[in-house]
Amino acid sequence: MTNILHITASIRGDESVSRDLSNRVVESLKAKGDVTVTERDLSKNDIPYVDADRFAANLSPYAERTPEQHELAAIADALIEELQNADIIVIGSPIYNFNAPATLKSWADLVARAGTTFEYTPEGPKGKLTGKKAYVAIASGGTPVGSDIDHMTPWLKFFLGFLGISDVEMVAADGIMGEGGEEKIAEAKAEAEKLAA
């Protein structure tokens, strides 16, 4: 059994190109055999921002948390458990204003927990979520992926590696609001279907 965690971040619902691309990656993976898929839609706005109280709760050992800290840490606990249980992580995200949607950054802030998803060592931080594969499907209206103004994909790839997930493949439909946008989307859809085949 292969466990897939499918994370989406676009606010555009069924019209979302990044969601369509990541769905195609997931369907390709499902065609390979026995899989389970956990869906995490960040666009539902149920991912909180980290404040001082939530940060303290997230760092407190489980057995030492107050009841209030247990409540504050519950969402991070759930998100981390999803990541730990996943063999494959599929992320579908647009680029908003040259970077990741705020909800995707909030998700990252919640799952980066010292001692759980990464640890500090004499050689520097070391990710604890090794042995996992990630696929990232990206859509951008005007920001060319990999360009100097693309601040999302380098950050996301670095962040996954920080957690120990270094095997990352990406597919992108970028510049889709300009000339040839439909052709770029079609090419990215075909690539997404091949990516995990």
C-alpha atoms as a PDB file:
ATOM      1  CA  MET A   1       0.000   0.000   0.000  1.00  0.00           C
ATOM      2  CA  THR A   2       1.342   3.418  -1.023  1.00  0.00           C
ATOM      3  CA  ASN A   3       0.122   6.417   0.931  1.00  0.00           C
ATOM      4  CA  ILE A   4      -0.212   9.658  -1.033  1.00  0.00           C
ATOM      5  CA  LEU A   5      -0.679  13.066   0.576  1.00  0.00           C
ATOM      6  CA  HIS A   6      -2.247  15.449  -1.934  1.00  0.00           C
ATOM      7  CA  ILE A   7      -1.935  19.108  -0.918  1.00  0.00           C
ATOM      8  CA  THR A   8      -3.640  21.837  -2.943  1.00  0.00           C
ATOM      9  CA  ALA A   9      -3.500  25.585  -2.385  1.00  0.00           C
ATOM     10  CA  SER A  10      -5.345  27.346  -5.216  1.00  0.00           C
ATOM     11  CA  ILE A  11      -8.411  29.435  -4.406  1.00  0.00           C
ATOM     12  CA  ARG A  12      -9.867  28.801  -7.882  1.00  0.00           C
ATOM     13  CA  GLY A  13     -11.585  25.474  -7.217  1.00  0.00           C
ATOM     14  CA  ASP A  14     -12.346  23.421 -10.327  1.00  0.00           C
ATOM     15  CA  GLU A  15     -10.949  26.203 -12.550  1.00  0.00           C
ATOM     16  CA  SER A  16      -7.509  25.847 -10.969  1.00  0.00           C
ATOM     17  CA  VAL A  17      -4.731  24.814 -13.340  1.00  0.00           C
ATOM     18  CA  SER A  18      -2.378  23.770 -10.524  1.00  0.00           C
ATOM     19  CA  ARG A  19      -5.126  21.621  -8.978  1.00  0.00           C
ATOM     20  CA  ASP A  20      -5.806  20.003 -12.352  1.00  0.00           C
ATOM     21  CA  LEU A  21      -2.102  19.260 -12.820  1.00  0.00           C
ATOM     22  CA  SER A  22      -1.682  17.757  -9.352  1.00  0.00           C
ATOM     23  CA  ASN A  23      -4.878  15.717  -9.833  1.00  0.00           C
ATOM     24  CA  ARG A  24      -3.346  14.263 -12.993  1.00  0.00           C
ATOM     25  CA  VAL A  25      -0.187  13.312 -11.103  1.00  0.00           C
ATOM     26  CA  VAL A  26      -2.284  11.620  -8.397  1.00  0.00           C
ATOM     27  CA  GLU A  27      -4.357   9.735 -10.983  1.00  0.00           C
ATOM     28  CA  SER A  28      -1.159   8.495 -12.642  1.00  0.00           C
ATOM     29  CA  LEU A  29       0.089   7.252  -9.284  1.00  0.00           C
ATOM     30  CA  LYS A  30      -3.225   5.584  -8.507  1.00  0.00           C
ATOM     31  CA  ALA A  31      -3.044   3.702 -11.807  1.00  0.00           C
ATOM     32  CA  LYS A  32       0.154   2.019 -10.618  1.00  0.00           C
ATOM     33  CA  GLY A  33      -1.528  -0.063  -7.932  1.00  0.00           C
ATOM     34  CA  ASP A  34      -2.821  -0.130  -4.389  1.00  0.00           C
ATOM     35  CA  VAL A  35      -2.782   3.414  -2.985  1.00  0.00           C
ATOM     36  CA  THR A  36      -4.580   5.542  -0.450  1.00  0.00           C
ATOM     37  CA  VAL A  37      -4.931   9.295  -0.940  1.00  0.00           C
ATOM     38  CA  THR A  38      -5.255  11.868   1.824  1.00  0.00           C
ATOM     39  CA  GLU A  39      -6.511  15.225   0.548  1.00  0.00           C
ATOM     40  CA  ARG A  40      -5.473  18.478   2.227  1.00  0.00           C
ATOM     41  CA  ASP A  41      -7.051  21.546   0.603  1.00  0.00           C
ATOM     42  CA  LEU A  42      -5.327  24.605   2.036  1.00  0.00           C
ATOM     43  CA  SER A  43      -7.726  26.961   0.243  1.00  0.00           C
ATOM     44  CA  LYS A  44     -10.394  26.211   2.847  1.00  0.00           C
ATOM     45  CA  ASN A  45      -8.582  28.719   5.089  1.00  0.00           C
ATOM     46  CA  ASP A  46      -8.568  26.377   8.097  1.00  0.00           C
ATOM     47  CA  ILE A  47      -4.773  26.570   8.455  1.00  0.00           C
ATOM     48  CA  PRO A  48      -3.935  29.167  11.125  1.00  0.00           C
ATOM     49  CA  TYR A  49      -0.981  31.503  11.189  1.00  0.00           C
ATOM     50  CA  VAL A  50       1.601  30.756  13.861  1.00  0.00           C
ATOM     51  CA  ASP A  51       1.601  33.188  16.760  1.00  0.00           C
ATOM     52  CA  ALA A  52       3.687  33.075  19.959  1.00  0.00           C
ATOM     53  CA  ASP A  53       1.247  30.845  21.875  1.00  0.00           C
ATOM     54  CA  ARG A  54       0.868  28.345  19.034  1.00  0.00           C
ATOM     55  CA  PHE A  55       4.634  28.313  18.481  1.00  0.00           C
ATOM     56  CA  ALA A  56       5.218  27.485  22.154  1.00  0.00           C
ATOM     57  CA  ALA A  57       2.545  24.781  22.059  1.00  0.00           C
ATOM     58  CA  ASN A  58       4.054  23.197  18.951  1.00  0.00           C
ATOM     59  CA  LEU A  59       7.475  22.973  20.604  1.00  0.00           C
ATOM     60  CA  SER A  60       6.220  21.634  23.939  1.00  0.00           C
ATOM     61  CA  PRO A  61       6.607  17.861  24.446  1.00  0.00           C
ATOM     62  CA  TYR A  62       3.209  16.170  24.125  1.00  0.00           C
ATOM     63  CA  ALA A  63       3.128  14.925  27.720  1.00  0.00           C
ATOM     64  CA  GLU A  64       4.019  18.370  29.080  1.00  0.00           C
ATOM     65  CA  ARG A  65       1.426  20.415  27.205  1.00  0.00           C
ATOM     66  CA  THR A  66      -1.350  22.206  29.017  1.00  0.00           C
ATOM     67  CA  PRO A  67      -4.918  21.569  27.805  1.00  0.00           C
ATOM     68  CA  GLU A  68      -4.766  24.900  25.988  1.00  0.00           C
ATOM     69  CA  GLN A  69      -1.504  23.908  24.298  1.00  0.00           C
ATOM     70  CA  HIS A  70      -2.983  20.589  23.198  1.00  0.00           C
ATOM     71  CA  GLU A  71      -5.798  22.524  21.519  1.00  0.00           C
ATOM     72  CA  LEU A  72      -3.397  24.951  19.859  1.00  0.00           C
ATOM     73  CA  ALA A  73      -1.058  22.196  18.653  1.00  0.00           C
ATOM     74  CA  ALA A  74      -3.802  19.881  17.355  1.00  0.00           C
ATOM     75  CA  ILE A  75      -3.738  21.187  13.769  1.00  0.00           C
ATOM     76  CA  ALA A  76       0.065  20.959  13.543  1.00  0.00           C
ATOM     77  CA  ASP A  77      -0.072  17.442  15.017  1.00  0.00           C
ATOM     78  CA  ALA A  78      -2.563  16.422  12.324  1.00  0.00           C
ATOM     79  CA  LEU A  79      -0.576  17.987   9.475  1.00  0.00           C
ATOM     80  CA  ILE A  80       2.667  16.405  10.669  1.00  0.00           C
ATOM     81  CA  GLU A  81       1.011  13.000  10.993  1.00  0.00           C
ATOM     82  CA  GLU A  82      -0.208  13.292   7.394  1.00  0.00           C
ATOM     83  CA  LEU A  83       3.354  13.979   6.254  1.00  0.00           C
ATOM     84  CA  GLN A  84       4.858  11.202   8.352  1.00  0.00           C
ATOM     85  CA  ASN A  85       2.344   8.656   7.032  1.00  0.00           C
ATOM     86  CA  ALA A  86       2.842   9.628   3.382  1.00  0.00           C
ATOM     87  CA  ASP A  87       5.147   7.763   1.046  1.00  0.00           C
ATOM     88  CA  ILE A  88       4.518  10.323  -1.697  1.00  0.00           C
ATOM     89  CA  ILE A  89       3.592  13.985  -1.368  1.00  0.00           C
ATOM     90  CA  VAL A  90       1.878  15.725  -4.289  1.00  0.00           C
ATOM     91  CA  ILE A  91       1.587  19.505  -4.026  1.00  0.00           C
ATOM     92  CA  GLY A  92      -0.488  21.574  -6.424  1.00  0.00           C
ATOM     93  CA  SER A  93       0.057  25.298  -6.006  1.00  0.00           C
ATOM     94  CA  PRO A  94      -0.194  28.526  -7.947  1.00  0.00           C
ATOM     95  CA  ILE A  95       2.338  31.297  -7.725  1.00  0.00           C
ATOM     96  CA  TYR A  96       0.676  34.354  -6.220  1.00  0.00           C
ATOM     97  CA  ASN A  97       2.574  37.644  -6.482  1.00  0.00           C
ATOM     98  CA  PHE A  98       5.874  35.894  -7.211  1.00  0.00           C
ATOM     99  CA  ASN A  99       5.633  33.523  -4.245  1.00  0.00           C
ATOM    100  CA  ALA A 100       3.636  30.801  -2.509  1.00  0.00           C
ATOM    101  CA  PRO A 101       0.072  31.363  -1.323  1.00  0.00           C
ATOM    102  CA  ALA A 102      -0.017  32.421   2.319  1.00  0.00           C
ATOM    103  CA  THR A 103      -1.806  29.194   3.242  1.00  0.00           C
ATOM    104  CA  LEU A 104       1.056  27.088   1.873  1.00  0.00           C
ATOM    105  CA  LYS A 105       3.548  29.098   3.919  1.00  0.00           C
ATOM    106  CA  SER A 106       1.348  28.658   7.005  1.00  0.00           C
ATOM    107  CA  TRP A 107       1.283  24.890   6.380  1.00  0.00           C
ATOM    108  CA  ALA A 108       5.089  24.920   6.196  1.00  0.00           C
ATOM    109  CA  ASP A 109       5.354  26.900   9.433  1.00  0.00           C
ATOM    110  CA  LEU A 110       3.168  24.323  11.202  1.00  0.00           C
ATOM    111  CA  VAL A 111       4.890  21.168   9.949  1.00  0.00           C
ATOM    112  CA  ALA A 112       8.452  22.389  10.588  1.00  0.00           C
ATOM    113  CA  ARG A 113       8.815  21.120  14.145  1.00  0.00           C
ATOM    114  CA  ALA A 114      12.266  20.752  15.679  1.00  0.00           C
ATOM    115  CA  GLY A 115      12.782  17.233  17.002  1.00  0.00           C
ATOM    116  CA  THR A 116       9.904  15.840  14.943  1.00  0.00           C
ATOM    117  CA  THR A 117      10.231  16.707  11.258  1.00  0.00           C
ATOM    118  CA  PHE A 118      13.800  17.993  11.511  1.00  0.00           C
ATOM    119  CA  GLU A 119      16.518  18.081  14.133  1.00  0.00           C
ATOM    120  CA  TYR A 120      19.465  20.286  14.969  1.00  0.00           C
ATOM    121  CA  THR A 121      22.820  18.523  14.728  1.00  0.00           C
ATOM    122  CA  PRO A 122      26.443  19.692  15.066  1.00  0.00           C
ATOM    123  CA  GLU A 123      26.520  19.788  11.253  1.00  0.00           C
ATOM    124  CA  GLY A 124      23.352  21.878  11.064  1.00  0.00           C
ATOM    125  CA  PRO A 125      19.643  21.061  10.667  1.00  0.00           C
ATOM    126  CA  LYS A 126      18.816  17.585   9.362  1.00  0.00           C
ATOM    127  CA  GLY A 127      15.436  16.490   7.993  1.00  0.00           C
ATOM    128  CA  LYS A 128      13.732  13.489   9.568  1.00  0.00           C
ATOM    129  CA  LEU A 129      11.213  12.766   6.777  1.00  0.00           C
ATOM    130  CA  THR A 130      13.640  10.889   4.544  1.00  0.00           C
ATOM    131  CA  GLY A 131      12.744   8.214   2.006  1.00  0.00           C
ATOM    132  CA  LYS A 132       9.752  10.087   0.597  1.00  0.00           C
ATOM    133  CA  LYS A 133       9.070  11.327  -2.923  1.00  0.00           C
ATOM    134  CA  ALA A 134       7.450  14.651  -3.787  1.00  0.00           C
ATOM    135  CA  TYR A 135       5.800  15.926  -6.945  1.00  0.00           C
ATOM    136  CA  VAL A 136       5.032  19.630  -7.258  1.00  0.00           C
ATOM    137  CA  ALA A 137       2.572  20.967  -9.844  1.00  0.00           C
ATOM    138  CA  ILE A 138       2.721  24.711 -10.378  1.00  0.00           C
ATOM    139  CA  ALA A 139       0.659  27.245 -12.293  1.00  0.00           C
ATOM    140  CA  SER A 140       1.571  30.860 -12.881  1.00  0.00           C
ATOM    141  CA  GLY A 141      -0.154  33.567 -14.820  1.00  0.00           C
ATOM    142  CA  GLY A 142       2.940  35.631 -15.511  1.00  0.00           C
ATOM    143  CA  THR A 143       5.890  34.539 -13.386  1.00  0.00           C
ATOM    144  CA  PRO A 144       8.243  32.249 -15.338  1.00  0.00           C
ATOM    145  CA  VAL A 145       9.108  29.265 -13.151  1.00  0.00           C
ATOM    146  CA  GLY A 146      12.830  29.201 -12.439  1.00  0.00           C
ATOM    147  CA  SER A 147      13.294  32.881 -13.249  1.00  0.00           C
ATOM    148  CA  ASP A 148      14.732  35.552 -10.965  1.00  0.00           C
ATOM    149  CA  ILE A 149      11.213  36.649  -9.993  1.00  0.00           C
ATOM    150  CA  ASP A 150      10.053  33.145  -9.079  1.00  0.00           C
ATOM    151  CA  HIS A 151      10.446  33.064  -5.302  1.00  0.00           C
ATOM    152  CA  MET A 152       8.141  30.092  -4.696  1.00  0.00           C
ATOM    153  CA  THR A 153       9.712  27.072  -6.372  1.00  0.00           C
ATOM    154  CA  PRO A 154      13.253  27.526  -4.971  1.00  0.00           C
ATOM    155  CA  TRP A 155      11.807  28.053  -1.491  1.00  0.00           C
ATOM    156  CA  LEU A 156       9.457  25.057  -1.703  1.00  0.00           C
ATOM    157  CA  LYS A 157      12.157  22.718  -2.986  1.00  0.00           C
ATOM    158  CA  PHE A 158      14.543  23.940  -0.274  1.00  0.00           C
ATOM    159  CA  PHE A 159      11.869  23.571   2.409  1.00  0.00           C
ATOM    160  CA  LEU A 160      11.029  19.985   1.408  1.00  0.00           C
ATOM    161  CA  GLY A 161      14.745  19.185   1.455  1.00  0.00           C
ATOM    162  CA  PHE A 162      15.008  20.797   4.890  1.00  0.00           C
ATOM    163  CA  LEU A 163      12.470  18.213   6.084  1.00  0.00           C
ATOM    164  CA  GLY A 164      14.471  15.428   4.438  1.00  0.00           C
ATOM    165  CA  ILE A 165      12.434  15.146   1.226  1.00  0.00           C
ATOM    166  CA  SER A 166      15.109  15.602  -1.413  1.00  0.00           C
ATOM    167  CA  ASP A 167      13.546  13.599  -4.263  1.00  0.00           C
ATOM    168  CA  VAL A 168      11.364  16.317  -5.801  1.00  0.00           C
ATOM    169  CA  GLU A 169      10.011  16.516  -9.359  1.00  0.00           C
ATOM    170  CA  MET A 170       8.180  19.538 -10.714  1.00  0.00           C
ATOM    171  CA  VAL A 171       5.798  20.262 -13.552  1.00  0.00           C
ATOM    172  CA  ALA A 172       4.721  23.793 -14.391  1.00  0.00           C
ATOM    173  CA  ALA A 173       2.285  25.700 -16.543  1.00  0.00           C
ATOM    174  CA  ASP A 174       3.747  29.181 -16.371  1.00  0.00           C
ATOM    175  CA  GLY A 175       3.052  32.390 -18.204  1.00  0.00           C
ATOM    176  CA  ILE A 176      -0.424  31.080 -18.976  1.00  0.00           C
ATOM    177  CA  MET A 177      -2.065  34.518 -19.008  1.00  0.00           C
ATOM    178  CA  GLY A 178       0.031  35.549 -21.984  1.00  0.00           C
ATOM    179  CA  GLU A 179       0.202  34.451 -25.579  1.00  0.00           C
ATOM    180  CA  GLY A 180       0.020  30.698 -26.065  1.00  0.00           C
ATOM    181  CA  GLY A 181      -1.401  30.109 -22.588  1.00  0.00           C
ATOM    182  CA  GLU A 182      -3.748  27.305 -23.636  1.00  0.00           C
ATOM    183  CA  GLU A 183      -0.917  25.479 -25.394  1.00  0.00           C
ATOM    184  CA  LYS A 184       1.277  25.808 -22.291  1.00  0.00           C
ATOM    185  CA  ILE A 185      -1.503  24.362 -20.137  1.00  0.00           C
ATOM    186  CA  ALA A 186      -1.995  21.451 -22.535  1.00  0.00           C
ATOM    187  CA  GLU A 187       1.736  20.706 -22.545  1.00  0.00           C
ATOM    188  CA  ALA A 188       1.872  20.784 -18.752  1.00  0.00           C
ATOM    189  CA  LYS A 189      -1.131  18.448 -18.492  1.00  0.00           C
ATOM    190  CA  ALA A 190       0.579  15.912 -20.735  1.00  0.00           C
ATOM    191  CA  GLU A 191       3.787  16.229 -18.744  1.00  0.00           C
ATOM    192  CA  ALA A 192       1.920  15.803 -15.454  1.00  0.00           C
ATOM    193  CA  GLU A 193       0.353  12.560 -16.673  1.00  0.00           C
ATOM    194  CA  LYS A 194       3.788  11.224 -17.682  1.00  0.00           C
ATOM    195  CA  LEU A 195       5.559  12.468 -14.551  1.00  0.00           C
ATOM    196  CA  ALA A 196       4.422   9.685 -12.275  1.00  0.00           C
ATOM    197  CA  ALA A 197       3.697   7.050 -14.936  1.00  0.00           C
END
